[in-house]
């Protein structure tokens, strides 16, 4: 997958995109289904029942998975959404920004 956990991404398609697209940190990645969970994006309300005595129930807002193809990684140096290239070095493979050339 082109994104990993703890990457900062911007939504490029769907209800959270538009004039002011939402950004957030990737909380988890599901490569089998091709989906990611992004902090503060694709929020849904779930009705939660208390399971133990003293545990509160109610309506909980939580993030739902979105397809990884709908997000694009943000370069930490140039702060722009970008694709990345893979550069092979002596220490291993490194992801590199296609716009500014900085290591990601």
N, C-alpha and C. Protein backbone atom coordinates (compact mmCIF):
# COMPACT_ATOMS: atom_id res chain seq x y z
N UNK A 1 0.84 -1.19 0.00
CA UNK A 1 0.00 0.00 0.00
C UNK A 1 0.88 1.24 0.00
N UNK A 2 0.36 2.32 -0.53
CA UNK A 2 1.14 3.55 -0.64
C UNK A 2 1.14 4.38 0.63
N UNK A 3 0.30 4.04 1.61
CA UNK A 3 0.31 4.73 2.90
C UNK A 3 0.57 3.72 4.01
N UNK A 4 1.17 4.22 5.09
CA UNK A 4 1.46 3.39 6.24
C UNK A 4 0.87 4.04 7.48
N UNK A 5 0.88 3.31 8.57
CA UNK A 5 0.38 3.84 9.83
C UNK A 5 1.21 5.06 10.24
N UNK A 6 0.57 6.06 10.81
CA UNK A 6 1.15 7.32 11.28
C UNK A 6 1.54 8.28 10.15
N UNK A 7 1.20 7.99 8.88
CA UNK A 7 1.39 8.95 7.80
C UNK A 7 0.32 10.03 7.90
N UNK A 8 0.64 11.24 7.46
CA UNK A 8 -0.35 12.31 7.36
C UNK A 8 -0.87 12.29 5.92
N UNK A 9 -2.20 12.20 5.78
CA UNK A 9 -2.81 12.10 4.46
C UNK A 9 -3.90 13.15 4.30
N UNK A 10 -4.25 13.43 3.06
CA UNK A 10 -5.35 14.34 2.73
C UNK A 10 -6.34 13.55 1.87
N UNK A 11 -7.64 13.80 2.08
CA UNK A 11 -8.69 13.10 1.34
C UNK A 11 -8.87 13.80 0.00
N UNK A 12 -8.79 13.03 -1.10
CA UNK A 12 -8.89 13.62 -2.44
C UNK A 12 -10.21 13.30 -3.12
N UNK A 13 -11.02 12.40 -2.52
CA UNK A 13 -12.27 12.00 -3.15
C UNK A 13 -13.27 11.62 -2.08
N UNK A 14 -14.54 11.84 -2.33
CA UNK A 14 -15.58 11.45 -1.39
C UNK A 14 -16.18 12.65 -0.66
N UNK A 15 -16.94 12.37 0.40
CA UNK A 15 -17.66 13.44 1.09
C UNK A 15 -16.76 14.34 1.93
N UNK A 16 -15.57 13.89 2.28
CA UNK A 16 -14.65 14.70 3.08
C UNK A 16 -13.66 15.48 2.22
N UNK A 17 -13.77 15.38 0.90
CA UNK A 17 -12.92 16.16 -0.01
C UNK A 17 -13.68 17.43 -0.39
N UNK A 18 -13.13 18.22 -1.28
CA UNK A 18 -13.81 19.42 -1.73
C UNK A 18 -12.92 20.63 -1.64
N UNK A 19 -13.55 21.82 -1.40
CA UNK A 19 -12.79 23.06 -1.33
C UNK A 19 -11.79 23.05 -0.18
N UNK A 20 -12.21 22.51 0.94
CA UNK A 20 -11.35 22.43 2.13
C UNK A 20 -11.22 20.95 2.51
N UNK A 21 -10.35 20.18 1.81
CA UNK A 21 -10.27 18.74 2.10
C UNK A 21 -9.72 18.47 3.49
N UNK A 22 -10.20 17.40 4.10
CA UNK A 22 -9.77 17.05 5.45
C UNK A 22 -8.43 16.34 5.43
N UNK A 23 -7.61 16.63 6.45
CA UNK A 23 -6.34 15.96 6.64
C UNK A 23 -6.38 15.21 7.95
N UNK A 24 -5.56 14.19 8.07
CA UNK A 24 -5.49 13.46 9.32
C UNK A 24 -4.40 12.43 9.30
N UNK A 25 -4.15 11.85 10.46
CA UNK A 25 -3.13 10.82 10.62
C UNK A 25 -3.77 9.46 10.41
N UNK A 26 -3.06 8.57 9.73
CA UNK A 26 -3.55 7.21 9.50
C UNK A 26 -3.45 6.43 10.80
N UNK A 27 -4.59 5.96 11.30
CA UNK A 27 -4.62 5.21 12.55
C UNK A 27 -4.35 3.73 12.34
N UNK A 28 -4.91 3.16 11.26
CA UNK A 28 -4.66 1.76 10.95
C UNK A 28 -4.81 1.53 9.45
N UNK A 29 -4.18 0.45 8.99
CA UNK A 29 -4.18 0.10 7.57
C UNK A 29 -4.65 -1.35 7.44
N UNK A 30 -5.53 -1.60 6.47
CA UNK A 30 -6.02 -2.95 6.18
C UNK A 30 -5.68 -3.28 4.73
N UNK A 31 -4.49 -3.84 4.47
CA UNK A 31 -4.09 -4.10 3.09
C UNK A 31 -4.92 -5.16 2.39
N UNK A 32 -5.50 -6.09 3.15
CA UNK A 32 -6.31 -7.14 2.54
C UNK A 32 -7.53 -6.55 1.83
N UNK A 33 -8.18 -5.58 2.46
CA UNK A 33 -9.36 -4.94 1.87
C UNK A 33 -9.03 -3.63 1.18
N UNK A 34 -7.79 -3.15 1.29
CA UNK A 34 -7.40 -1.90 0.65
C UNK A 34 -8.00 -0.67 1.31
N UNK A 35 -8.17 -0.71 2.64
CA UNK A 35 -8.79 0.40 3.35
C UNK A 35 -7.89 0.93 4.44
N UNK A 36 -8.14 2.19 4.82
CA UNK A 36 -7.41 2.84 5.90
C UNK A 36 -8.41 3.55 6.81
N UNK A 37 -8.01 3.74 8.07
CA UNK A 37 -8.80 4.54 9.00
C UNK A 37 -7.99 5.79 9.29
N UNK A 38 -8.57 6.96 9.00
CA UNK A 38 -7.90 8.24 9.15
C UNK A 38 -8.56 9.01 10.28
N UNK A 39 -7.76 9.63 11.13
CA UNK A 39 -8.24 10.37 12.29
C UNK A 39 -9.09 11.56 11.86
N UNK A 40 -10.34 11.61 12.31
CA UNK A 40 -11.23 12.73 12.04
C UNK A 40 -11.90 12.72 10.67
N UNK A 41 -11.77 11.64 9.93
CA UNK A 41 -12.33 11.55 8.58
C UNK A 41 -13.34 10.41 8.54
N UNK A 42 -14.42 10.60 7.82
CA UNK A 42 -15.47 9.59 7.64
C UNK A 42 -16.06 9.18 8.99
N UNK A 43 -16.50 10.19 9.72
CA UNK A 43 -17.06 9.96 11.06
C UNK A 43 -18.48 9.39 10.94
N UNK A 44 -18.79 8.44 11.84
CA UNK A 44 -20.12 7.84 11.89
C UNK A 44 -20.53 7.72 13.35
N UNK A 45 -21.84 7.70 13.58
CA UNK A 45 -22.36 7.53 14.94
C UNK A 45 -22.76 6.08 15.14
N UNK A 46 -22.32 5.51 16.25
CA UNK A 46 -22.66 4.14 16.60
C UNK A 46 -23.36 4.14 17.96
N UNK A 47 -24.41 3.36 18.08
CA UNK A 47 -25.12 3.23 19.34
C UNK A 47 -24.47 2.11 20.13
N UNK A 48 -23.90 2.46 21.27
CA UNK A 48 -23.16 1.50 22.07
C UNK A 48 -23.93 1.17 23.35
N UNK A 49 -24.06 -0.11 23.62
CA UNK A 49 -24.75 -0.59 24.80
C UNK A 49 -23.72 -0.82 25.91
N UNK A 50 -24.03 -0.45 27.13
CA UNK A 50 -23.07 -0.71 28.21
C UNK A 50 -22.92 -2.22 28.43
N UNK A 51 -21.70 -2.70 28.53
CA UNK A 51 -21.44 -4.13 28.67
C UNK A 51 -21.16 -4.54 30.13
N UNK A 52 -20.59 -3.65 30.91
CA UNK A 52 -20.29 -3.95 32.30
C UNK A 52 -21.03 -2.97 33.20
N UNK A 53 -21.13 -3.32 34.45
CA UNK A 53 -21.80 -2.44 35.39
C UNK A 53 -20.96 -1.18 35.59
N UNK A 54 -21.59 -0.03 35.46
CA UNK A 54 -20.89 1.24 35.61
C UNK A 54 -20.33 1.78 34.32
N UNK A 55 -20.34 0.99 33.25
CA UNK A 55 -19.82 1.45 31.95
C UNK A 55 -20.92 2.25 31.25
N UNK A 56 -20.59 3.43 30.74
CA UNK A 56 -21.63 4.23 30.08
C UNK A 56 -21.96 3.70 28.69
N UNK A 57 -23.19 3.88 28.30
CA UNK A 57 -23.61 3.58 26.95
C UNK A 57 -23.96 4.89 26.26
N UNK A 58 -24.41 4.82 25.05
CA UNK A 58 -24.83 6.04 24.36
C UNK A 58 -24.40 6.03 22.91
N UNK A 59 -24.45 7.19 22.32
CA UNK A 59 -24.10 7.35 20.92
C UNK A 59 -22.63 7.80 20.85
N UNK A 60 -21.81 7.02 20.17
CA UNK A 60 -20.37 7.25 20.07
C UNK A 60 -20.05 7.65 18.63
N UNK A 61 -19.25 8.71 18.47
CA UNK A 61 -18.76 9.08 17.13
C UNK A 61 -17.41 8.40 16.92
N UNK A 62 -17.27 7.69 15.80
CA UNK A 62 -16.02 7.00 15.52
C UNK A 62 -15.69 7.05 14.03
N UNK A 63 -14.42 6.82 13.72
CA UNK A 63 -13.98 6.82 12.33
C UNK A 63 -14.32 5.48 11.68
N UNK A 64 -14.71 5.53 10.41
CA UNK A 64 -14.96 4.31 9.66
C UNK A 64 -13.92 4.19 8.55
N UNK A 65 -13.65 2.98 8.07
CA UNK A 65 -12.62 2.80 7.04
C UNK A 65 -13.04 3.43 5.71
N UNK A 66 -12.05 3.95 4.99
CA UNK A 66 -12.26 4.44 3.62
C UNK A 66 -11.21 3.77 2.73
N UNK A 67 -11.46 3.75 1.44
CA UNK A 67 -10.51 3.13 0.51
C UNK A 67 -9.22 3.94 0.46
N UNK A 68 -8.12 3.24 0.39
CA UNK A 68 -6.80 3.88 0.37
C UNK A 68 -6.59 4.71 -0.89
N UNK A 69 -7.31 4.39 -1.96
CA UNK A 69 -7.17 5.16 -3.20
C UNK A 69 -7.78 6.56 -3.08
N UNK A 70 -8.55 6.81 -2.03
CA UNK A 70 -9.18 8.12 -1.84
C UNK A 70 -8.32 9.07 -1.02
N UNK A 71 -7.14 8.63 -0.58
CA UNK A 71 -6.25 9.49 0.20
C UNK A 71 -4.91 9.62 -0.50
N UNK A 72 -4.24 10.74 -0.21
CA UNK A 72 -2.91 10.99 -0.77
C UNK A 72 -2.00 11.48 0.34
N UNK A 73 -0.80 10.98 0.36
CA UNK A 73 0.16 11.32 1.41
C UNK A 73 0.60 12.77 1.31
N UNK A 74 0.82 13.42 2.45
CA UNK A 74 1.29 14.80 2.50
C UNK A 74 2.77 14.77 2.87
N UNK A 75 3.58 15.45 2.07
CA UNK A 75 5.02 15.51 2.33
C UNK A 75 5.28 16.37 3.56
N UNK A 76 6.09 15.90 4.52
CA UNK A 76 6.34 16.70 5.73
C UNK A 76 7.18 17.95 5.46
N UNK A 77 7.94 17.97 4.36
CA UNK A 77 8.80 19.12 4.08
C UNK A 77 8.05 20.21 3.31
N UNK A 78 7.44 19.85 2.17
CA UNK A 78 6.79 20.86 1.33
C UNK A 78 5.30 21.04 1.67
N UNK A 79 4.74 20.19 2.54
CA UNK A 79 3.35 20.28 3.02
C UNK A 79 2.32 20.20 1.90
N UNK A 80 2.65 19.48 0.81
CA UNK A 80 1.74 19.32 -0.31
C UNK A 80 1.40 17.84 -0.49
N UNK A 81 0.17 17.53 -0.98
CA UNK A 81 -0.14 16.14 -1.29
C UNK A 81 0.74 15.67 -2.44
N UNK A 82 1.31 14.50 -2.28
CA UNK A 82 2.25 14.03 -3.29
C UNK A 82 2.26 12.51 -3.37
N UNK A 83 2.71 12.01 -4.50
CA UNK A 83 3.01 10.59 -4.62
C UNK A 83 4.44 10.40 -4.15
N UNK A 84 4.82 9.18 -3.92
CA UNK A 84 6.20 8.96 -3.49
C UNK A 84 6.90 7.99 -4.43
N UNK A 85 8.21 8.12 -4.48
CA UNK A 85 9.06 7.20 -5.22
C UNK A 85 9.85 6.40 -4.20
N UNK A 86 10.36 5.26 -4.60
CA UNK A 86 11.18 4.44 -3.72
C UNK A 86 12.61 4.51 -4.22
N UNK A 87 13.49 4.92 -3.32
CA UNK A 87 14.90 5.07 -3.65
C UNK A 87 15.68 4.01 -2.86
N UNK A 88 16.54 3.28 -3.56
CA UNK A 88 17.32 2.23 -2.91
C UNK A 88 18.65 2.81 -2.47
N UNK A 89 18.94 2.68 -1.16
CA UNK A 89 20.20 3.17 -0.61
C UNK A 89 20.95 2.00 0.01
N UNK A 90 22.10 2.29 0.62
CA UNK A 90 22.88 1.24 1.27
C UNK A 90 22.14 0.65 2.47
N UNK A 91 21.37 1.48 3.16
CA UNK A 91 20.66 1.02 4.35
C UNK A 91 19.34 0.34 4.02
N UNK A 92 18.83 0.48 2.81
CA UNK A 92 17.56 -0.14 2.41
C UNK A 92 16.76 0.77 1.52
N UNK A 93 15.48 0.50 1.46
CA UNK A 93 14.58 1.31 0.63
C UNK A 93 14.07 2.49 1.42
N UNK A 94 13.98 3.66 0.75
CA UNK A 94 13.52 4.90 1.38
C UNK A 94 12.45 5.51 0.49
N UNK A 95 11.35 5.98 1.10
CA UNK A 95 10.32 6.68 0.32
C UNK A 95 10.75 8.13 0.14
N UNK A 96 10.60 8.65 -1.09
CA UNK A 96 11.04 9.99 -1.44
C UNK A 96 9.88 10.74 -2.08
N UNK A 97 9.72 12.03 -1.72
CA UNK A 97 8.68 12.89 -2.29
C UNK A 97 8.98 13.15 -3.76
N UNK A 98 7.97 13.04 -4.61
CA UNK A 98 8.17 13.29 -6.05
C UNK A 98 8.26 14.78 -6.37
N UNK A 99 7.73 15.65 -5.50
CA UNK A 99 7.73 17.09 -5.77
C UNK A 99 9.01 17.75 -5.32
N UNK A 100 9.46 17.47 -4.08
CA UNK A 100 10.63 18.18 -3.56
C UNK A 100 11.85 17.29 -3.39
N UNK A 101 11.69 15.97 -3.46
CA UNK A 101 12.82 15.07 -3.35
C UNK A 101 13.26 14.74 -1.94
N UNK A 102 12.51 15.17 -0.92
CA UNK A 102 12.87 14.93 0.46
C UNK A 102 12.49 13.50 0.88
N UNK A 103 13.25 12.96 1.82
CA UNK A 103 12.94 11.65 2.35
C UNK A 103 11.66 11.73 3.20
N UNK A 104 10.81 10.72 3.04
CA UNK A 104 9.56 10.69 3.79
C UNK A 104 9.72 9.75 4.96
